[in-house]
């Protein structure tokens, strides 16, 4: 009787222990990451197993610490986990461990627009991937000349858009992908339109970049682009203020003065005839198409409207342009803009 009672007590105790272990196991393996927002885990090239466990614990708290224990127990290999991983709320330690072990990277999105310089583009790229700005620029120098681009023409090799890469993508892969997207945009139809205007795709991008800087009004950009082409065809200097801002390196200028107009730069279209050596920003696809599809007109001059709407008054003769300019400068003086 006593033996039977002892067996019963032992059985109950064992069952309780097993139940406790099962509960602990469930909590350990399947209790999810409790963050309100997804969290990214980054395993850099050359990271050690200790680095991986530290990243898991510091980024995901208790759940990450449990995943780190699994990493140790089941022989996680940092050399095979190089990458970036988006961890969703509710992800269990086991799921997190398996994600890294199987190197199931999450693609990152690279989105850019309103980019004026290659340094700005390089910084934007570097903010999304493992590589740095310098390596991206070096990849441009390595690949773009072979694609027919001079250094001043590099901005014409890219189009603003949203791209997807793995965080570990090489700079060469990124440059090739971005340039490939641009090359697909320049299909036979668009190239034929450019040729009919006496322009190369790079020259179209250059004219479009100036038009984009001149006006935020998308409906005006084709008109502005055609105006500058009219000036080129007549042998006139472009005298485009945005090119002077680019030459000076200050796009915040509200008023262009004599000191700016005299800056010695191939981008200063007040001093140099023809188009500048390359785009002054990375023009978007819509502006390129607006340039290619711009309707012929006789405008040679433009001046910002005196109502500061961001639109422009256009003129075919200089006297009309002077009248428009007087109205604009009067408005500038009234607002104390110098």
Protein backbone atom coordinates (compact mmCIF):
# COMPACT_ATOMS: atom_id res chain seq x y z
CA UNK A 1 0.00 0.00 0.00
CA UNK A 2 2.80 2.36 0.95
CA UNK A 3 4.68 1.46 -2.23
CA UNK A 4 1.61 2.14 -4.32
CA UNK A 5 1.14 5.49 -2.60
CA UNK A 6 4.80 6.39 -3.18
CA UNK A 7 4.51 5.48 -6.85
CA UNK A 8 1.44 7.68 -7.13
CA UNK A 9 3.23 10.61 -5.50
CA UNK A 10 6.25 10.14 -7.74
CA UNK A 11 4.03 9.88 -10.83
CA UNK A 12 2.19 13.07 -9.93
CA UNK A 13 5.47 14.83 -9.24
CA UNK A 14 6.96 13.69 -12.54
CA UNK A 15 3.83 14.76 -14.38
CA UNK A 16 4.00 18.14 -12.70
CA UNK A 17 7.65 18.52 -13.65
CA UNK A 18 6.92 17.46 -17.22
CA UNK A 19 4.00 19.87 -17.37
CA UNK A 20 6.20 22.65 -16.01
CA UNK A 21 8.89 21.80 -18.53
CA UNK A 22 6.35 21.79 -21.32
CA UNK A 23 5.04 25.18 -20.23
CA UNK A 24 8.61 26.51 -19.97
CA UNK A 25 9.44 25.03 -23.36
CA UNK A 26 6.40 26.64 -24.93
CA UNK A 27 7.24 29.98 -23.38
CA UNK A 28 10.87 29.65 -24.46
CA UNK A 29 10.33 28.43 -28.00
CA UNK A 30 7.01 29.85 -29.01
CA UNK A 31 6.32 33.00 -27.00
CA UNK A 32 6.56 35.76 -29.59
CA UNK A 33 8.49 39.01 -29.88
CA UNK A 34 6.30 41.55 -28.08
CA UNK A 35 7.36 44.72 -29.88
CA UNK A 36 4.67 46.89 -31.43
CA UNK A 37 6.68 47.43 -34.62
CA UNK A 38 8.89 45.15 -36.72
CA UNK A 39 12.55 45.13 -35.75
CA UNK A 40 15.56 44.66 -38.00
CA UNK A 41 18.45 42.36 -37.10
CA UNK A 42 21.73 43.05 -38.91
CA UNK A 43 24.56 40.53 -39.14
CA UNK A 44 27.54 42.27 -40.68
CA UNK A 45 30.24 40.65 -42.75
CA UNK A 46 32.84 39.10 -40.44
CA UNK A 47 30.49 39.03 -37.44
CA UNK A 48 31.16 36.39 -34.77
CA UNK A 49 28.61 34.15 -33.08
CA UNK A 50 28.93 36.43 -30.07
CA UNK A 51 28.05 39.42 -32.25
CA UNK A 52 24.94 37.63 -33.50
CA UNK A 53 23.78 36.77 -29.98
CA UNK A 54 24.47 40.30 -28.79
CA UNK A 55 22.48 41.75 -31.69
CA UNK A 56 19.54 39.44 -30.96
CA UNK A 57 19.49 40.25 -27.26
CA UNK A 58 19.95 44.01 -27.59
CA UNK A 59 17.40 44.40 -30.38
CA UNK A 60 14.68 41.95 -29.34
CA UNK A 61 14.95 41.82 -25.56
CA UNK A 62 13.86 38.62 -23.81
CA UNK A 63 12.73 36.98 -27.05
CA UNK A 64 16.07 37.77 -28.65
CA UNK A 65 17.96 36.38 -25.65
CA UNK A 66 16.02 33.13 -25.99
CA UNK A 67 16.83 33.03 -29.70
CA UNK A 68 20.48 33.58 -28.76
CA UNK A 69 20.36 30.53 -26.48
CA UNK A 70 18.98 28.46 -29.36
CA UNK A 71 21.79 29.86 -31.53
CA UNK A 72 24.30 28.40 -29.06
CA UNK A 73 22.45 25.10 -28.47
CA UNK A 74 21.93 24.24 -32.12
CA UNK A 75 25.23 25.49 -33.53
CA UNK A 76 24.32 28.70 -35.33
CA UNK A 77 27.05 29.85 -37.73
CA UNK A 78 27.56 33.60 -38.03
CA UNK A 79 29.51 33.23 -41.27
CA UNK A 80 26.37 31.86 -42.90
CA UNK A 81 23.98 34.40 -41.41
CA UNK A 82 25.40 37.55 -43.02
CA UNK A 83 22.40 39.72 -43.86
CA UNK A 84 19.47 41.81 -42.67
CA UNK A 85 16.29 40.29 -41.23
CA UNK A 86 12.96 41.93 -40.50
CA UNK A 87 11.47 40.41 -37.37
CA UNK A 88 7.72 40.80 -37.12
CA UNK A 89 5.83 41.18 -33.82
CA UNK A 90 4.84 37.76 -32.51
CA UNK A 91 7.86 35.96 -34.00
CA UNK A 92 8.98 33.15 -31.70
CA UNK A 93 12.59 32.56 -30.63
CA UNK A 94 12.62 29.37 -32.73
CA UNK A 95 11.35 31.19 -35.81
CA UNK A 96 13.92 33.95 -35.33
CA UNK A 97 16.70 31.40 -34.91
CA UNK A 98 15.64 29.53 -38.05
CA UNK A 99 15.35 32.77 -40.05
CA UNK A 100 18.99 33.59 -39.36
CA UNK A 101 20.22 30.01 -39.64
CA UNK A 102 18.61 29.62 -43.08
CA UNK A 103 19.73 33.13 -44.11
CA UNK A 104 16.18 34.04 -45.07
CA UNK A 105 17.05 37.69 -45.63
CA UNK A 106 14.36 40.33 -45.96
CA UNK A 107 14.82 42.60 -49.01
CA UNK A 108 15.31 46.30 -48.23
CA UNK A 109 13.75 49.09 -50.25
CA UNK A 110 15.86 51.87 -51.73
CA UNK A 111 13.74 54.88 -52.68
CA UNK A 112 15.20 58.13 -53.91
CA UNK A 113 14.00 61.33 -55.52
CA UNK A 114 14.96 64.99 -55.37
CA UNK A 115 18.65 64.07 -55.67
CA UNK A 116 20.97 66.74 -57.03
CA UNK A 117 24.46 65.32 -56.65
CA UNK A 118 26.16 61.96 -56.81
CA UNK A 119 27.26 62.40 -53.20
CA UNK A 120 23.62 62.74 -52.18
CA UNK A 121 22.72 59.59 -54.09
CA UNK A 122 25.63 57.71 -52.54
CA UNK A 123 24.51 58.73 -49.05
CA UNK A 124 20.97 57.62 -49.77
CA UNK A 125 22.15 54.23 -51.02
CA UNK A 126 24.47 53.78 -48.03
CA UNK A 127 21.56 54.44 -45.64
CA UNK A 128 19.79 51.33 -46.96
CA UNK A 129 22.56 48.77 -47.49
CA UNK A 130 25.69 47.53 -45.78
CA UNK A 131 28.13 49.24 -48.15
CA UNK A 132 29.23 52.83 -47.63
CA UNK A 133 29.06 55.92 -49.85
CA UNK A 134 32.65 55.66 -51.00
CA UNK A 135 32.20 52.09 -52.25
CA UNK A 136 29.11 53.08 -54.23
CA UNK A 137 30.94 55.98 -55.88
CA UNK A 138 33.90 53.73 -56.62
CA UNK A 139 31.53 51.24 -58.29
CA UNK A 140 30.16 54.11 -60.41
CA UNK A 141 33.69 54.96 -61.51
CA UNK A 142 34.34 51.31 -62.27
CA UNK A 143 31.17 50.57 -64.26
CA UNK A 144 29.61 53.71 -65.74
CA UNK A 145 32.43 54.75 -68.10
CA UNK A 146 32.13 51.33 -69.73
CA UNK A 147 28.45 52.09 -70.29
CA UNK A 148 29.35 55.31 -72.10
CA UNK A 149 29.01 57.85 -69.28
CA UNK A 150 31.56 60.54 -68.50
CA UNK A 151 31.78 61.48 -64.82
CA UNK A 152 29.73 64.67 -65.27
CA UNK A 153 27.06 62.53 -66.94
CA UNK A 154 26.68 60.02 -64.11
CA UNK A 155 23.34 61.49 -62.90
CA UNK A 156 21.88 60.59 -66.30
CA UNK A 157 22.57 56.90 -65.56
CA UNK A 158 19.88 56.77 -62.87
CA UNK A 159 16.15 57.31 -62.45
CA UNK A 160 14.32 58.13 -59.21
CA UNK A 161 12.21 55.16 -58.20
CA UNK A 162 11.86 52.46 -55.55
CA UNK A 163 14.23 49.51 -55.85
CA UNK A 164 14.58 46.30 -53.87
CA UNK A 165 17.90 44.78 -52.83
CA UNK A 166 19.29 42.57 -50.17
CA UNK A 167 21.11 44.60 -47.54
CA UNK A 168 24.25 42.67 -48.45
CA UNK A 169 24.11 43.63 -52.15
CA UNK A 170 27.48 44.67 -53.53
CA UNK A 171 27.95 48.26 -54.77
CA UNK A 172 28.50 46.87 -58.27
CA UNK A 173 25.20 45.00 -58.11
CA UNK A 174 23.40 48.17 -57.03
CA UNK A 175 24.95 50.34 -59.76
CA UNK A 176 24.22 47.72 -62.42
CA UNK A 177 20.60 47.35 -61.30
CA UNK A 178 19.95 51.08 -61.19
CA UNK A 179 21.62 51.71 -64.55
CA UNK A 180 19.75 48.75 -66.04
CA UNK A 181 16.44 50.30 -64.99
CA UNK A 182 17.45 53.54 -66.71
CA UNK A 183 18.49 51.68 -69.86
CA UNK A 184 15.13 49.91 -70.06
CA UNK A 185 13.42 53.30 -69.81
CA UNK A 186 15.37 54.45 -72.85
CA UNK A 187 13.63 52.15 -75.30
CA UNK A 188 13.75 52.52 -79.07
CA UNK A 189 10.74 54.87 -79.14
CA UNK A 190 12.24 57.32 -76.66
CA UNK A 191 15.64 57.18 -78.31
CA UNK A 192 14.01 57.96 -81.65
CA UNK A 193 12.23 60.97 -80.14
CA UNK A 194 15.50 62.25 -78.70
CA UNK A 195 17.25 61.80 -82.04
CA UNK A 196 14.50 63.72 -83.83
CA UNK A 197 15.20 66.62 -81.45
CA UNK A 198 18.93 66.41 -82.18
CA UNK A 199 19.66 65.15 -78.67
CA UNK A 200 21.25 62.15 -76.99
CA UNK A 201 19.55 60.56 -73.96
CA UNK A 202 22.16 62.23 -71.72
CA UNK A 203 21.39 65.62 -73.25
CA UNK A 204 17.68 65.04 -72.71
CA UNK A 205 18.42 64.26 -69.07
CA UNK A 206 20.48 67.46 -68.83
CA UNK A 207 17.72 69.65 -70.25
CA UNK A 208 15.14 67.87 -68.08
CA UNK A 209 17.24 68.43 -64.96
CA UNK A 210 17.28 72.17 -65.59
CA UNK A 211 13.53 72.22 -66.23
CA UNK A 212 12.95 70.30 -62.99
CA UNK A 213 14.99 72.83 -61.03
CA UNK A 214 13.26 75.76 -62.71
CA UNK A 215 9.74 74.81 -61.75
CA UNK A 216 7.88 72.56 -59.32
CA UNK A 217 4.89 72.78 -61.61
CA UNK A 218 4.97 69.54 -63.56
CA UNK A 219 2.70 70.98 -66.23
CA UNK A 220 5.32 73.62 -67.10
CA UNK A 221 8.37 71.39 -67.34
CA UNK A 222 7.93 70.46 -70.99
CA UNK A 223 7.47 74.13 -71.90
CA UNK A 224 10.58 75.10 -69.95
CA UNK A 225 12.63 72.34 -71.54
CA UNK A 226 11.56 73.41 -75.02
CA UNK A 227 12.40 77.03 -74.20
CA UNK A 228 15.99 76.09 -73.43
CA UNK A 229 16.20 74.00 -76.59
CA UNK A 230 15.01 77.07 -78.53
CA UNK A 231 17.88 79.04 -77.04
CA UNK A 232 20.38 76.31 -77.92
CA UNK A 233 19.15 76.19 -81.51
CA UNK A 234 19.48 79.97 -81.84
CA UNK A 235 23.01 79.91 -80.44
CA UNK A 236 21.94 81.84 -77.35
CA UNK A 237 23.32 81.15 -73.89
CA UNK A 238 20.88 79.30 -71.67
CA UNK A 239 21.33 81.74 -68.78
CA UNK A 240 19.55 79.30 -66.50
CA UNK A 241 19.71 80.29 -62.84
CA UNK A 242 19.65 76.68 -61.53
CA UNK A 243 22.91 75.95 -63.36
CA UNK A 244 24.49 78.89 -61.51
CA UNK A 245 23.23 77.55 -58.19
CA UNK A 246 24.76 74.18 -59.07
CA UNK A 247 28.04 75.86 -60.00
CA UNK A 248 28.08 77.82 -56.74
CA UNK A 249 26.99 74.76 -54.77
CA UNK A 250 24.09 76.55 -53.07
CA UNK A 251 20.57 75.62 -54.18
CA UNK A 252 19.05 77.74 -51.42
CA UNK A 253 19.82 81.00 -53.25
CA UNK A 254 16.64 83.00 -53.74
CA UNK A 255 18.20 85.75 -55.78
CA UNK A 256 21.04 85.40 -58.29
CA UNK A 257 23.49 88.32 -58.17
CA UNK A 258 26.50 89.44 -60.19
CA UNK A 259 28.94 87.62 -57.92
CA UNK A 260 27.13 84.37 -58.72
CA UNK A 261 26.88 85.03 -62.45
CA UNK A 262 30.65 85.42 -62.69
CA UNK A 263 31.60 82.15 -60.99
CA UNK A 264 34.05 80.25 -63.17
CA UNK A 265 32.42 76.88 -63.85
CA UNK A 266 31.43 74.88 -66.94
CA UNK A 267 27.96 74.73 -65.36
CA UNK A 268 27.57 78.51 -65.41
CA UNK A 269 25.35 78.96 -68.45
CA UNK A 270 25.60 82.74 -68.18
CA UNK A 271 29.27 82.45 -69.16
CA UNK A 272 29.23 79.32 -71.33
CA UNK A 273 27.19 78.60 -74.43
CA UNK A 274 25.29 75.37 -74.95
CA UNK A 275 24.25 72.76 -72.42
CA UNK A 276 26.27 72.19 -69.25
CA UNK A 277 28.49 69.07 -69.24
CA UNK A 278 25.84 66.97 -67.50
CA UNK A 279 22.59 67.00 -65.51
CA UNK A 280 22.35 69.22 -62.43
CA UNK A 281 20.08 66.70 -60.73
CA UNK A 282 18.72 63.21 -61.34
CA UNK A 283 15.62 64.01 -63.38
CA UNK A 284 12.62 61.77 -62.94
CA UNK A 285 11.00 59.74 -65.70
CA UNK A 286 8.00 62.05 -65.98
CA UNK A 287 10.24 65.05 -66.67
CA UNK A 288 12.24 63.13 -69.26
CA UNK A 289 8.99 62.25 -71.02
CA UNK A 290 7.75 65.83 -70.71
CA UNK A 291 10.93 66.97 -72.45
CA UNK A 292 10.66 64.37 -75.19
CA UNK A 293 6.96 65.16 -75.76
CA UNK A 294 7.19 68.94 -75.40
CA UNK A 295 5.26 70.85 -78.04
CA UNK A 296 7.20 73.36 -80.16
CA UNK A 297 6.73 77.04 -79.23
CA UNK A 298 8.57 80.34 -79.73
CA UNK A 299 9.37 81.18 -76.12
CA UNK A 300 12.92 82.27 -75.38
CA UNK A 301 12.50 83.88 -71.97
CA UNK A 302 10.89 83.01 -68.68
CA UNK A 303 10.51 84.73 -65.37
CA UNK A 304 8.92 83.59 -62.13
CA UNK A 305 5.41 84.94 -61.65
CA UNK A 306 5.15 87.84 -59.26
CA UNK A 307 2.51 85.99 -57.22
CA UNK A 308 5.16 83.45 -56.06
CA UNK A 309 2.89 80.63 -57.20
CA UNK A 310 5.90 78.74 -58.52
CA UNK A 311 4.73 79.22 -62.09
CA UNK A 312 6.28 81.41 -64.78
CA UNK A 313 5.56 84.11 -67.28
CA UNK A 314 6.91 83.17 -70.72
CA UNK A 315 7.89 85.56 -73.50
CA UNK A 316 9.11 85.32 -77.08
CA UNK A 317 10.77 88.77 -77.15
CA UNK A 318 13.10 90.53 -74.75
CA UNK A 319 10.94 93.61 -74.15
CA UNK A 320 8.06 91.45 -72.89
CA UNK A 321 10.50 89.52 -70.74
CA UNK A 322 11.82 92.76 -69.22
CA UNK A 323 8.29 93.76 -68.29
CA UNK A 324 7.78 90.38 -66.59
CA UNK A 325 11.12 90.69 -64.80
CA UNK A 326 10.25 94.15 -63.47
CA UNK A 327 7.05 92.80 -61.95
CA UNK A 328 8.92 89.95 -60.31
CA UNK A 329 11.74 92.08 -58.90
CA UNK A 330 9.19 94.55 -57.55
CA UNK A 331 7.54 91.65 -55.71
CA UNK A 332 10.91 90.48 -54.39
CA UNK A 333 11.70 93.95 -53.05
CA UNK A 334 8.26 94.21 -51.46
CA UNK A 335 8.96 90.99 -49.53
CA UNK A 336 12.47 92.03 -48.62
CA UNK A 337 14.05 89.10 -50.45
CA UNK A 338 17.65 89.88 -51.28
